[in-house]
C-alpha atoms as a PDB file:
ATOM      1  CA  UNK A   1      84.263  98.715 112.569  1.00  0.00           C
ATOM      2  CA  UNK A   2      86.465  97.778 109.687  1.00  0.00           C
ATOM      3  CA  UNK A   3      85.038  99.099 106.280  1.00  0.00           C
ATOM      4  CA  UNK A   4      84.226  96.199 103.942  1.00  0.00           C
ATOM      5  CA  UNK A   5      85.913  96.610 100.460  1.00  0.00           C
ATOM      6  CA  UNK A   6      84.858  94.362  97.847  1.00  0.00           C
ATOM      7  CA  UNK A   7      88.007  94.566  95.695  1.00  0.00           C
ATOM      8  CA  UNK A   8      89.825  93.239  98.470  1.00  0.00           C
ATOM      9  CA  UNK A   9      87.430  90.040  98.477  1.00  0.00           C
ATOM     10  CA  UNK A  10      88.195  90.147  94.568  1.00  0.00           C
ATOM     11  CA  UNK A  11      92.205  90.264  95.210  1.00  0.00           C
ATOM     12  CA  UNK A  12      91.377  87.186  97.712  1.00  0.00           C
ATOM     13  CA  UNK A  13      89.471  85.501  94.992  1.00  0.00           C
ATOM     14  CA  UNK A  14      92.457  85.990  92.476  1.00  0.00           C
ATOM     15  CA  UNK A  15      94.904  84.553  94.906  1.00  0.00           C
ATOM     16  CA  UNK A  16      92.889  81.228  95.228  1.00  0.00           C
ATOM     17  CA  UNK A  17      92.444  80.985  91.403  1.00  0.00           C
ATOM     18  CA  UNK A  18      96.225  81.474  90.919  1.00  0.00           C
ATOM     19  CA  UNK A  19      96.820  78.782  93.469  1.00  0.00           C
ATOM     20  CA  UNK A  20      94.181  76.391  92.236  1.00  0.00           C
ATOM     21  CA  UNK A  21      95.478  76.907  88.215  1.00  0.00           C
ATOM     22  CA  UNK A  22      99.198  76.198  89.594  1.00  0.00           C
ATOM     23  CA  UNK A  23      97.824  73.042  91.274  1.00  0.00           C
ATOM     24  CA  UNK A  24      95.412  71.768  88.832  1.00  0.00           C
ATOM     25  CA  UNK A  25      96.605  72.935  85.323  1.00  0.00           C
ATOM     26  CA  UNK A  26      96.297  69.909  83.458  1.00  0.00           C
ATOM     27  CA  UNK A  27      99.749  70.647  81.752  1.00  0.00           C
ATOM     28  CA  UNK A  28     101.016  71.586  85.077  1.00  0.00           C
ATOM     29  CA  UNK A  29     103.672  74.079  83.292  1.00  0.00           C
ATOM     30  CA  UNK A  30     102.894  76.115  80.263  1.00  0.00           C
ATOM     31  CA  UNK A  31     104.462  78.503  77.488  1.00  0.00           C
ATOM     32  CA  UNK A  32     107.827  76.056  77.639  1.00  0.00           C
ATOM     33  CA  UNK A  33     107.698  74.984  81.461  1.00  0.00           C
ATOM     34  CA  UNK A  34     108.576  78.426  82.837  1.00  0.00           C
ATOM     35  CA  UNK A  35     105.366  79.709  84.344  1.00  0.00           C
ATOM     36  CA  UNK A  36     103.746  78.350  87.668  1.00  0.00           C
ATOM     37  CA  UNK A  37     101.048  80.317  89.661  1.00  0.00           C
ATOM     38  CA  UNK A  38     100.413  78.071  92.776  1.00  0.00           C
ATOM     39  CA  UNK A  39     103.381  79.925  95.006  1.00  0.00           C
ATOM     40  CA  UNK A  40     102.282  83.420  93.491  1.00  0.00           C
ATOM     41  CA  UNK A  41      98.739  82.838  94.856  1.00  0.00           C
ATOM     42  CA  UNK A  42      99.831  81.976  98.360  1.00  0.00           C
ATOM     43  CA  UNK A  43     102.096  85.179  98.281  1.00  0.00           C
ATOM     44  CA  UNK A  44      98.863  87.454  97.477  1.00  0.00           C
ATOM     45  CA  UNK A  45      97.197  85.683 100.189  1.00  0.00           C
ATOM     46  CA  UNK A  46     100.029  86.897 102.730  1.00  0.00           C
ATOM     47  CA  UNK A  47     100.477  90.299 101.532  1.00  0.00           C
ATOM     48  CA  UNK A  48      96.436  90.889 101.765  1.00  0.00           C
ATOM     49  CA  UNK A  49      96.709  89.501 105.235  1.00  0.00           C
ATOM     50  CA  UNK A  50      99.086  92.045 106.395  1.00  0.00           C
ATOM     51  CA  UNK A  51      96.975  94.796 105.263  1.00  0.00           C
ATOM     52  CA  UNK A  52      94.065  93.471 106.591  1.00  0.00           C
ATOM     53  CA  UNK A  53      95.928  92.975 110.068  1.00  0.00           C
ATOM     54  CA  UNK A  54      97.406  96.442 109.990  1.00  0.00           C
ATOM     55  CA  UNK A  55      94.093  97.952 109.627  1.00  0.00           C
ATOM     56  CA  UNK A  56      92.596  95.581 112.838  1.00  0.00           C
ATOM     57  CA  UNK A  57      95.395  96.133 114.934  1.00  0.00           C
ATOM     58  CA  UNK A  58      97.128  99.703 114.395  1.00  0.00           C
ATOM     59  CA  UNK A  59      94.292 101.646 112.558  1.00  0.00           C
ATOM     60  CA  UNK A  60      91.156 100.181 114.435  1.00  0.00           C
ATOM     61  CA  UNK A  61      93.073  99.500 117.719  1.00  0.00           C
ATOM     62  CA  UNK A  62      90.988  96.124 118.388  1.00  0.00           C
ATOM     63  CA  UNK A  63      91.322  94.517 121.702  1.00  0.00           C
ATOM     64  CA  UNK A  64      93.678  91.946 121.421  1.00  0.00           C
ATOM     65  CA  UNK A  65      91.566  89.195 123.018  1.00  0.00           C
ATOM     66  CA  UNK A  66      88.691  90.201 120.822  1.00  0.00           C
ATOM     67  CA  UNK A  67      91.595  89.988 117.936  1.00  0.00           C
ATOM     68  CA  UNK A  68      92.488  86.546 118.795  1.00  0.00           C
ATOM     69  CA  UNK A  69      88.738  85.349 119.581  1.00  0.00           C
ATOM     70  CA  UNK A  70      87.854  86.528 115.812  1.00  0.00           C
ATOM     71  CA  UNK A  71      90.939  84.569 114.585  1.00  0.00           C
ATOM     72  CA  UNK A  72      90.068  81.525 115.970  1.00  0.00           C
ATOM     73  CA  UNK A  73      86.530  81.816 114.725  1.00  0.00           C
ATOM     74  CA  UNK A  74      87.634  82.503 111.500  1.00  0.00           C
ATOM     75  CA  UNK A  75      90.155  79.402 111.185  1.00  0.00           C
ATOM     76  CA  UNK A  76      89.704  76.792 113.537  1.00  0.00           C
ATOM     77  CA  UNK A  77      86.260  75.526 112.890  1.00  0.00           C
ATOM     78  CA  UNK A  78      86.728  74.540 109.279  1.00  0.00           C
ATOM     79  CA  UNK A  79      90.393  73.468 109.986  1.00  0.00           C
ATOM     80  CA  UNK A  80      89.222  70.949 112.658  1.00  0.00           C
ATOM     81  CA  UNK A  81      86.730  69.348 110.225  1.00  0.00           C
ATOM     82  CA  UNK A  82      89.421  69.030 107.501  1.00  0.00           C
ATOM     83  CA  UNK A  83      92.222  67.691 109.710  1.00  0.00           C
ATOM     84  CA  UNK A  84      89.932  65.097 111.416  1.00  0.00           C
ATOM     85  CA  UNK A  85      88.104  63.904 108.192  1.00  0.00           C
ATOM     86  CA  UNK A  86      91.515  63.643 106.721  1.00  0.00           C
ATOM     87  CA  UNK A  87      92.966  61.796 109.671  1.00  0.00           C
ATOM     88  CA  UNK A  88      89.864  59.370 109.757  1.00  0.00           C
ATOM     89  CA  UNK A  89      89.847  58.673 105.737  1.00  0.00           C
ATOM     90  CA  UNK A  90      93.775  58.803 104.795  1.00  0.00           C
ATOM     91  CA  UNK A  91      95.496  55.780 105.998  1.00  0.00           C
ATOM     92  CA  UNK A  92      98.809  57.136 106.505  1.00  0.00           C
ATOM     93  CA  UNK A  93      98.041  60.250 108.643  1.00  0.00           C
ATOM     94  CA  UNK A  94      99.205  59.847 111.808  1.00  0.00           C
ATOM     95  CA  UNK A  95      97.931  61.600 115.173  1.00  0.00           C
ATOM     96  CA  UNK A  96     101.194  63.408 115.360  1.00  0.00           C
ATOM     97  CA  UNK A  97     100.122  65.049 112.155  1.00  0.00           C
ATOM     98  CA  UNK A  98      97.176  65.902 113.269  1.00  0.00           C
ATOM     99  CA  UNK A  99      98.888  67.644 116.527  1.00  0.00           C
ATOM    100  CA  UNK A 100     101.244  69.481 114.357  1.00  0.00           C
ATOM    101  CA  UNK A 101      98.397  70.684 112.067  1.00  0.00           C
ATOM    102  CA  UNK A 102      96.184  72.117 114.822  1.00  0.00           C
ATOM    103  CA  UNK A 103      99.033  73.479 116.758  1.00  0.00           C
ATOM    104  CA  UNK A 104     100.367  75.235 113.668  1.00  0.00           C
ATOM    105  CA  UNK A 105     103.681  73.552 114.090  1.00  0.00           C
ATOM    106  CA  UNK A 106     103.440  72.029 110.577  1.00  0.00           C
ATOM    107  CA  UNK A 107     106.055  74.153 109.010  1.00  0.00           C
ATOM    108  CA  UNK A 108     108.970  73.187 111.139  1.00  0.00           C
ATOM    109  CA  UNK A 109     108.324  69.431 111.097  1.00  0.00           C
ATOM    110  CA  UNK A 110     107.624  66.825 108.573  1.00  0.00           C
ATOM    111  CA  UNK A 111     103.807  66.201 108.032  1.00  0.00           C
ATOM    112  CA  UNK A 112     101.580  63.811 105.698  1.00  0.00           C
ATOM    113  CA  UNK A 113     101.666  65.287 102.254  1.00  0.00           C
ATOM    114  CA  UNK A 114      97.619  65.599 102.769  1.00  0.00           C
ATOM    115  CA  UNK A 115      98.171  68.278 105.320  1.00  0.00           C
ATOM    116  CA  UNK A 116     101.037  70.126 104.020  1.00  0.00           C
ATOM    117  CA  UNK A 117      99.572  73.008 102.919  1.00  0.00           C
ATOM    118  CA  UNK A 118      98.911  73.894 106.222  1.00  0.00           C
ATOM    119  CA  UNK A 119     102.209  75.355 106.454  1.00  0.00           C
ATOM    120  CA  UNK A 120     100.969  78.697 105.047  1.00  0.00           C
ATOM    121  CA  UNK A 121      98.292  78.793 107.964  1.00  0.00           C
ATOM    122  CA  UNK A 122     101.188  78.396 110.366  1.00  0.00           C
ATOM    123  CA  UNK A 123     102.987  81.333 108.747  1.00  0.00           C
ATOM    124  CA  UNK A 124     100.273  83.537 109.167  1.00  0.00           C
ATOM    125  CA  UNK A 125      99.083  82.586 112.623  1.00  0.00           C
ATOM    126  CA  UNK A 126     102.845  83.061 113.685  1.00  0.00           C
ATOM    127  CA  UNK A 127     102.665  86.541 111.925  1.00  0.00           C
ATOM    128  CA  UNK A 128      99.503  87.564 113.685  1.00  0.00           C
ATOM    129  CA  UNK A 129     100.804  86.650 117.145  1.00  0.00           C
ATOM    130  CA  UNK A 130     103.819  88.899 116.234  1.00  0.00           C
ATOM    131  CA  UNK A 131     101.804  91.904 114.702  1.00  0.00           C
ATOM    132  CA  UNK A 132      99.412  91.425 117.959  1.00  0.00           C
ATOM    133  CA  UNK A 133     102.620  91.923 120.193  1.00  0.00           C
ATOM    134  CA  UNK A 134     104.023  95.218 118.381  1.00  0.00           C
ATOM    135  CA  UNK A 135     100.577  96.353 118.433  1.00  0.00           C
ATOM    136  CA  UNK A 136     100.415  96.064 122.420  1.00  0.00           C
ATOM    137  CA  UNK A 137     103.911  97.770 122.572  1.00  0.00           C
ATOM    138  CA  UNK A 138     102.770 100.354 119.850  1.00  0.00           C
ATOM    139  CA  UNK A 139      99.740 101.432 122.273  1.00  0.00           C
ATOM    140  CA  UNK A 140     101.613 101.746 125.548  1.00  0.00           C
ATOM    141  CA  UNK A 141     104.727 103.621 123.680  1.00  0.00           C
ATOM    142  CA  UNK A 142     104.342 105.594 120.358  1.00  0.00           C
ATOM    143  CA  UNK A 143     107.178 104.808 118.086  1.00  0.00           C
ATOM    144  CA  UNK A 144     107.384 104.479 114.151  1.00  0.00           C
ATOM    145  CA  UNK A 145     105.097 101.100 113.495  1.00  0.00           C
ATOM    146  CA  UNK A 146     105.826 101.122 109.534  1.00  0.00           C
ATOM    147  CA  UNK A 147     109.503 101.305 110.299  1.00  0.00           C
ATOM    148  CA  UNK A 148     109.703  98.655 112.670  1.00  0.00           C
ATOM    149  CA  UNK A 149     107.684  96.198 110.749  1.00  0.00           C
ATOM    150  CA  UNK A 150     109.649  97.114 107.617  1.00  0.00           C
ATOM    151  CA  UNK A 151     112.713  96.419 109.643  1.00  0.00           C
ATOM    152  CA  UNK A 152     111.629  93.220 110.809  1.00  0.00           C
ATOM    153  CA  UNK A 153     110.386  92.206 107.214  1.00  0.00           C
ATOM    154  CA  UNK A 154     113.959  92.951 105.898  1.00  0.00           C
ATOM    155  CA  UNK A 155     115.702  90.550 108.685  1.00  0.00           C
ATOM    156  CA  UNK A 156     113.241  88.000 107.806  1.00  0.00           C
ATOM    157  CA  UNK A 157     113.805  88.280 103.991  1.00  0.00           C
ATOM    158  CA  UNK A 158     117.577  88.453 104.678  1.00  0.00           C
ATOM    159  CA  UNK A 159     117.330  85.461 106.785  1.00  0.00           C
ATOM    160  CA  UNK A 160     116.074  83.495 103.534  1.00  0.00           C
ATOM    161  CA  UNK A 161     118.939  84.960 101.546  1.00  0.00           C
ATOM    162  CA  UNK A 162     121.423  83.744 103.770  1.00  0.00           C
ATOM    163  CA  UNK A 163     119.702  80.247 104.165  1.00  0.00           C
ATOM    164  CA  UNK A 164     119.531  79.869 100.388  1.00  0.00           C
ATOM    165  CA  UNK A 165     122.463  81.299  99.040  1.00  0.00           C
ATOM    166  CA  UNK A 166     125.321  80.565 101.604  1.00  0.00           C
ATOM    167  CA  UNK A 167     123.718  77.679 103.323  1.00  0.00           C
ATOM    168  CA  UNK A 168     122.255  76.074 100.233  1.00  0.00           C
ATOM    169  CA  UNK A 169     119.070  75.111 101.703  1.00  0.00           C
ATOM    170  CA  UNK A 170     116.135  74.170  99.508  1.00  0.00           C
ATOM    171  CA  UNK A 171     112.664  76.001  99.254  1.00  0.00           C
ATOM    172  CA  UNK A 172     110.961  73.611 101.602  1.00  0.00           C
ATOM    173  CA  UNK A 173     113.656  74.048 104.303  1.00  0.00           C
ATOM    174  CA  UNK A 174     113.412  77.735 103.753  1.00  0.00           C
ATOM    175  CA  UNK A 175     110.317  79.321 102.734  1.00  0.00           C
ATOM    176  CA  UNK A 176     107.780  77.683 104.353  1.00  0.00           C
ATOM    177  CA  UNK A 177     109.221  78.577 107.711  1.00  0.00           C
ATOM    178  CA  UNK A 178     107.831  81.385 109.674  1.00  0.00           C
ATOM    179  CA  UNK A 179     111.208  82.913 110.676  1.00  0.00           C
ATOM    180  CA  UNK A 180     111.587  83.835 106.665  1.00  0.00           C
ATOM    181  CA  UNK A 181     108.002  83.891 105.181  1.00  0.00           C
ATOM    182  CA  UNK A 182     106.793  86.242 107.601  1.00  0.00           C
ATOM    183  CA  UNK A 183     108.245  88.980 106.018  1.00  0.00           C
ATOM    184  CA  UNK A 184     105.536  88.840 103.171  1.00  0.00           C
ATOM    185  CA  UNK A 185     102.670  89.276 105.732  1.00  0.00           C
ATOM    186  CA  UNK A 186     104.806  92.179 107.410  1.00  0.00           C
ATOM    187  CA  UNK A 187     105.687  93.691 104.213  1.00  0.00           C
ATOM    188  CA  UNK A 188     101.800  94.044 103.547  1.00  0.00           C
ATOM    189  CA  UNK A 189     101.199  95.599 107.145  1.00  0.00           C
ATOM    190  CA  UNK A 190     104.512  97.834 106.856  1.00  0.00           C
ATOM    191  CA  UNK A 191     103.439  99.294 103.364  1.00  0.00           C
ATOM    192  CA  UNK A 192      99.703  99.499 103.865  1.00  0.00           C
ATOM    193  CA  UNK A 193     100.530 101.777 107.385  1.00  0.00           C
ATOM    194  CA  UNK A 194     103.075 103.829 105.554  1.00  0.00           C
ATOM    195  CA  UNK A 195     101.243 104.865 102.274  1.00  0.00           C
ATOM    196  CA  UNK A 196      97.372 104.468 103.543  1.00  0.00           C
ATOM    197  CA  UNK A 197      97.279 108.315 104.097  1.00  0.00           C
ATOM    198  CA  UNK A 198      99.874 109.285 101.154  1.00  0.00           C
ATOM    199  CA  UNK A 199      98.620 110.312  97.794  1.00  0.00           C
ATOM    200  CA  UNK A 200     100.275 107.963  95.280  1.00  0.00           C
ATOM    201  CA  UNK A 201      99.800 107.987  91.438  1.00  0.00           C
ATOM    202  CA  UNK A 202      96.885 105.876  90.133  1.00  0.00           C
ATOM    203  CA  UNK A 203      99.420 103.690  88.200  1.00  0.00           C
ATOM    204  CA  UNK A 204     101.344 102.495  91.281  1.00  0.00           C
ATOM    205  CA  UNK A 205      99.230  99.766  92.230  1.00  0.00           C
ATOM    206  CA  UNK A 206      99.057  98.646  88.773  1.00  0.00           C
ATOM    207  CA  UNK A 207     102.790  98.584  88.047  1.00  0.00           C
ATOM    208  CA  UNK A 208     103.893  97.310  91.290  1.00  0.00           C
ATOM    209  CA  UNK A 209     101.599  94.493  90.902  1.00  0.00           C
ATOM    210  CA  UNK A 210     102.610  93.651  87.575  1.00  0.00           C
ATOM    211  CA  UNK A 211     106.070  93.602  88.605  1.00  0.00           C
ATOM    212  CA  UNK A 212     104.873  91.119  91.549  1.00  0.00           C
ATOM    213  CA  UNK A 213     103.113  89.137  88.998  1.00  0.00           C
ATOM    214  CA  UNK A 214     105.663  88.686  86.388  1.00  0.00           C
ATOM    215  CA  UNK A 215     108.626  87.662  89.000  1.00  0.00           C
ATOM    216  CA  UNK A 216     105.940  85.307  90.857  1.00  0.00           C
ATOM    217  CA  UNK A 217     104.992  83.381  88.014  1.00  0.00           C
ATOM    218  CA  UNK A 218     108.188  83.274  86.125  1.00  0.00           C
ATOM    219  CA  UNK A 219     109.465  79.891  87.503  1.00  0.00           C
ATOM    220  CA  UNK A 220     113.089  80.414  86.080  1.00  0.00           C
ATOM    221  CA  UNK A 221     113.705  83.251  88.675  1.00  0.00           C
ATOM    222  CA  UNK A 222     115.337  82.075  92.087  1.00  0.00           C
ATOM    223  CA  UNK A 223     113.322  82.142  95.391  1.00  0.00           C
ATOM    224  CA  UNK A 224     115.269  84.936  96.512  1.00  0.00           C
ATOM    225  CA  UNK A 225     114.179  87.237  93.991  1.00  0.00           C
ATOM    226  CA  UNK A 226     110.625  86.028  94.138  1.00  0.00           C
ATOM    227  CA  UNK A 227     110.367  86.428  97.906  1.00  0.00           C
ATOM    228  CA  UNK A 228     111.889  89.728  97.989  1.00  0.00           C
ATOM    229  CA  UNK A 229     111.280  92.024  94.855  1.00  0.00           C
ATOM    230  CA  UNK A 230     108.284  89.869  93.857  1.00  0.00           C
ATOM    231  CA  UNK A 231     106.868  90.232  97.288  1.00  0.00           C
ATOM    232  CA  UNK A 232     107.635  93.778  97.560  1.00  0.00           C
ATOM    233  CA  UNK A 233     105.466  94.741  94.290  1.00  0.00           C
ATOM    234  CA  UNK A 234     102.503  92.618  95.745  1.00  0.00           C
ATOM    235  CA  UNK A 235     102.781  94.438  99.024  1.00  0.00           C
ATOM    236  CA  UNK A 236     103.056  97.959  97.559  1.00  0.00           C
ATOM    237  CA  UNK A 237     100.056  97.095  94.975  1.00  0.00           C
ATOM    238  CA  UNK A 238      97.771  95.697  97.758  1.00  0.00           C
ATOM    239  CA  UNK A 239      98.734  98.707 100.058  1.00  0.00           C
ATOM    240  CA  UNK A 240      97.519 101.314  97.364  1.00  0.00           C
ATOM    241  CA  UNK A 241      94.613  99.344  95.808  1.00  0.00           C
ATOM    242  CA  UNK A 242      92.387 102.211  97.314  1.00  0.00           C
ATOM    243  CA  UNK A 243      93.982 104.423  94.770  1.00  0.00           C
ATOM    244  CA  UNK A 244      93.914 102.296  91.671  1.00  0.00           C
ATOM    245  CA  UNK A 245      91.929 103.339  88.761  1.00  0.00           C
ATOM    246  CA  UNK A 246      88.164 102.920  89.059  1.00  0.00           C
ATOM    247  CA  UNK A 247      88.240 100.260  86.361  1.00  0.00           C
ATOM    248  CA  UNK A 248      90.639  98.058  88.346  1.00  0.00           C
ATOM    249  CA  UNK A 249      88.667  98.183  91.605  1.00  0.00           C
ATOM    250  CA  UNK A 250      85.192  97.528  89.539  1.00  0.00           C
ATOM    251  CA  UNK A 251      87.036  94.583  87.989  1.00  0.00           C
ATOM    252  CA  UNK A 252      88.142  92.843  91.520  1.00  0.00           C
ATOM    253  CA  UNK A 253      84.639  93.628  92.757  1.00  0.00           C
ATOM    254  CA  UNK A 254      83.053  91.506  89.938  1.00  0.00           C
ATOM    255  CA  UNK A 255      80.442  89.353  91.686  1.00  0.00           C
ATOM    256  CA  UNK A 256      81.924  85.666  90.628  1.00  0.00           C
ATOM    257  CA  UNK A 257      85.379  87.040  91.863  1.00  0.00           C
ATOM    258  CA  UNK A 258      84.270  88.296  95.202  1.00  0.00           C
ATOM    259  CA  UNK A 259      82.262  85.218  95.650  1.00  0.00           C
ATOM    260  CA  UNK A 260      85.236  83.144  95.045  1.00  0.00           C
ATOM    261  CA  UNK A 261      87.234  85.343  97.341  1.00  0.00           C
ATOM    262  CA  UNK A 262      84.443  84.310 100.177  1.00  0.00           C
ATOM    263  CA  UNK A 263      84.740  80.596  99.591  1.00  0.00           C
ATOM    264  CA  UNK A 264      88.703  80.968  99.351  1.00  0.00           C
ATOM    265  CA  UNK A 265      89.611  79.280 103.222  1.00  0.00           C
ATOM    266  CA  UNK A 266      87.321  76.373 102.525  1.00  0.00           C
ATOM    267  CA  UNK A 267      88.877  76.232  98.991  1.00  0.00           C
ATOM    268  CA  UNK A 268      92.230  76.291 100.013  1.00  0.00           C
ATOM    269  CA  UNK A 269      91.813  73.630 102.618  1.00  0.00           C
ATOM    270  CA  UNK A 270      89.963  71.185 100.371  1.00  0.00           C
ATOM    271  CA  UNK A 271      92.187  71.600  97.389  1.00  0.00           C
ATOM    272  CA  UNK A 272      95.198  69.546  98.711  1.00  0.00           C
ATOM    273  CA  UNK A 273      94.075  66.031  98.741  1.00  0.00           C
ATOM    274  CA  UNK A 274      92.603  66.333  95.410  1.00  0.00           C
ATOM    275  CA  UNK A 275      95.886  67.967  94.131  1.00  0.00           C
ATOM    276  CA  UNK A 276      98.118  65.278  95.701  1.00  0.00           C
ATOM    277  CA  UNK A 277      95.819  62.044  94.372  1.00  0.00           C
ATOM    278  CA  UNK A 278      95.548  62.125  90.581  1.00  0.00           C
ATOM    279  CA  UNK A 279      93.928  58.814  89.741  1.00  0.00           C
ATOM    280  CA  UNK A 280      90.691  60.505  89.249  1.00  0.00           C
ATOM    281  CA  UNK A 281      89.985  62.544  85.989  1.00  0.00           C
ATOM    282  CA  UNK A 282      90.578  66.356  86.699  1.00  0.00           C
ATOM    283  CA  UNK A 283      87.109  67.180  86.222  1.00  0.00           C
ATOM    284  CA  UNK A 284      85.989  64.944  89.024  1.00  0.00           C
ATOM    285  CA  UNK A 285      88.886  65.886  91.252  1.00  0.00           C
ATOM    286  CA  UNK A 286      87.337  69.658  90.818  1.00  0.00           C
ATOM    287  CA  UNK A 287      83.788  68.843  91.168  1.00  0.00           C
ATOM    288  CA  UNK A 288      84.356  66.889  94.454  1.00  0.00           C
ATOM    289  CA  UNK A 289      86.731  69.996  95.766  1.00  0.00           C
ATOM    290  CA  UNK A 290      84.107  72.486  95.007  1.00  0.00           C
ATOM    291  CA  UNK A 291      81.256  70.225  96.818  1.00  0.00           C
ATOM    292  CA  UNK A 292      83.415  69.583  99.902  1.00  0.00           C
ATOM    293  CA  UNK A 293      84.655  73.311  99.996  1.00  0.00           C
ATOM    294  CA  UNK A 294      81.204  75.021  99.406  1.00  0.00           C
ATOM    295  CA  UNK A 295      79.698  72.448 102.204  1.00  0.00           C
ATOM    296  CA  UNK A 296      82.279  73.256 104.589  1.00  0.00           C
ATOM    297  CA  UNK A 297      81.938  76.866 103.871  1.00  0.00           C
ATOM    298  CA  UNK A 298      78.180  77.143 104.304  1.00  0.00           C
ATOM    299  CA  UNK A 299      77.482  74.242 107.017  1.00  0.00           C
ATOM    300  CA  UNK A 300      80.635  74.885 109.210  1.00  0.00           C
ATOM    301  CA  UNK A 301      82.735  77.901 108.266  1.00  0.00           C
ATOM    302  CA  UNK A 302      80.244  80.669 107.840  1.00  0.00           C
ATOM    303  CA  UNK A 303      77.802  79.627 110.823  1.00  0.00           C
ATOM    304  CA  UNK A 304      80.387  78.899 113.151  1.00  0.00           C
ATOM    305  CA  UNK A 305      82.199  82.076 112.814  1.00  0.00           C
ATOM    306  CA  UNK A 306      78.759  83.813 112.952  1.00  0.00           C
ATOM    307  CA  UNK A 307      77.746  82.031 116.217  1.00  0.00           C
ATOM    308  CA  UNK A 308      81.312  82.252 118.042  1.00  0.00           C
ATOM    309  CA  UNK A 309      81.315  86.049 117.061  1.00  0.00           C
ATOM    310  CA  UNK A 310      78.046  86.597 118.712  1.00  0.00           C
ATOM    311  CA  UNK A 311      78.872  84.639 121.865  1.00  0.00           C
ATOM    312  CA  UNK A 312      82.015  86.722 122.296  1.00  0.00           C
ATOM    313  CA  UNK A 313      79.725  90.067 121.819  1.00  0.00           C
ATOM    314  CA  UNK A 314      77.289  88.603 124.385  1.00  0.00           C
ATOM    315  CA  UNK A 315      80.310  88.067 126.722  1.00  0.00           C
ATOM    316  CA  UNK A 316      81.401  91.607 126.538  1.00  0.00           C
ATOM    317  CA  UNK A 317      78.040  92.914 127.140  1.00  0.00           C
ATOM    318  CA  UNK A 318      77.624  90.912 130.182  1.00  0.00           C
ATOM    319  CA  UNK A 319      80.934  92.069 131.800  1.00  0.00           C
ATOM    320  CA  UNK A 320      80.211  95.767 131.504  1.00  0.00           C
ATOM    321  CA  UNK A 321      77.944  97.864 129.284  1.00  0.00           C
ATOM    322  CA  UNK A 322      81.045 100.095 128.486  1.00  0.00           C
ATOM    323  CA  UNK A 323      82.760  97.177 126.677  1.00  0.00           C
ATOM    324  CA  UNK A 324      79.831  96.357 124.586  1.00  0.00           C
ATOM    325  CA  UNK A 325      80.961  98.661 121.878  1.00  0.00           C
ATOM    326  CA  UNK A 326      84.415  97.403 121.643  1.00  0.00           C
END
């Protein structure tokens, strides 16, 4: 069983707050139009996902079927609700948009703006598939997993560099694609596996996190720096967070922050329509977002996940008593 760490919920809470501030900051850019936090929030989600998946697949050795079922129960109920309701209420959302959103192909083909943010879920799901394949191979044949994950992450990052610098492609043509952005998730996994048993200075996660924070919010820096050096700092920070000073982990464990972290997936899903439609006052948009996100979390996301995981455990018990402890 994976140990629950409240400061990781706090990290997730910081991630969604950074994204919401970037999207709903009333002046959009502050301090002379050079600070933007939206993309940094997504990057914080990615490196955290990498750490968590490494714990589940490579440390906990969770069965691959169980791993996929848990991912399904975590993502799909709330996602289906959101996508279907958007399809029914937004006039220019088409059936093909719905298909691309629910098949996680939205980051490789045009999709309606109301569903465009699902690109990040596509990157995560594609990364999970890759990590699960590597986990299966590693269980059958031992090799240096952190090194392999690091090499693949570096290859993805180099792919982004080549497309941006030499092919002159834009952010939306490069950094929403899984063959580039999976580097962020893989870095989170690689550094966690490499450093989890190492003793590191308590200042390392602080310094690495500050470097990642600065690079991530300084909007004048090119994408090629943000998603290499910036991501590296964030990946090291979340990988070594267990050894951060007690005050740091205490701050991240504050109840309001961890609670926002619990709500983060529903908040992320529902923020996009209110980010796009700016005809309503900001306070009303944020109020509607909060109501819909919390309703989604408490009525759909949490009960569906609990029911689906309980059904899976019952299935394992029915198959064999020996599998009930998996």
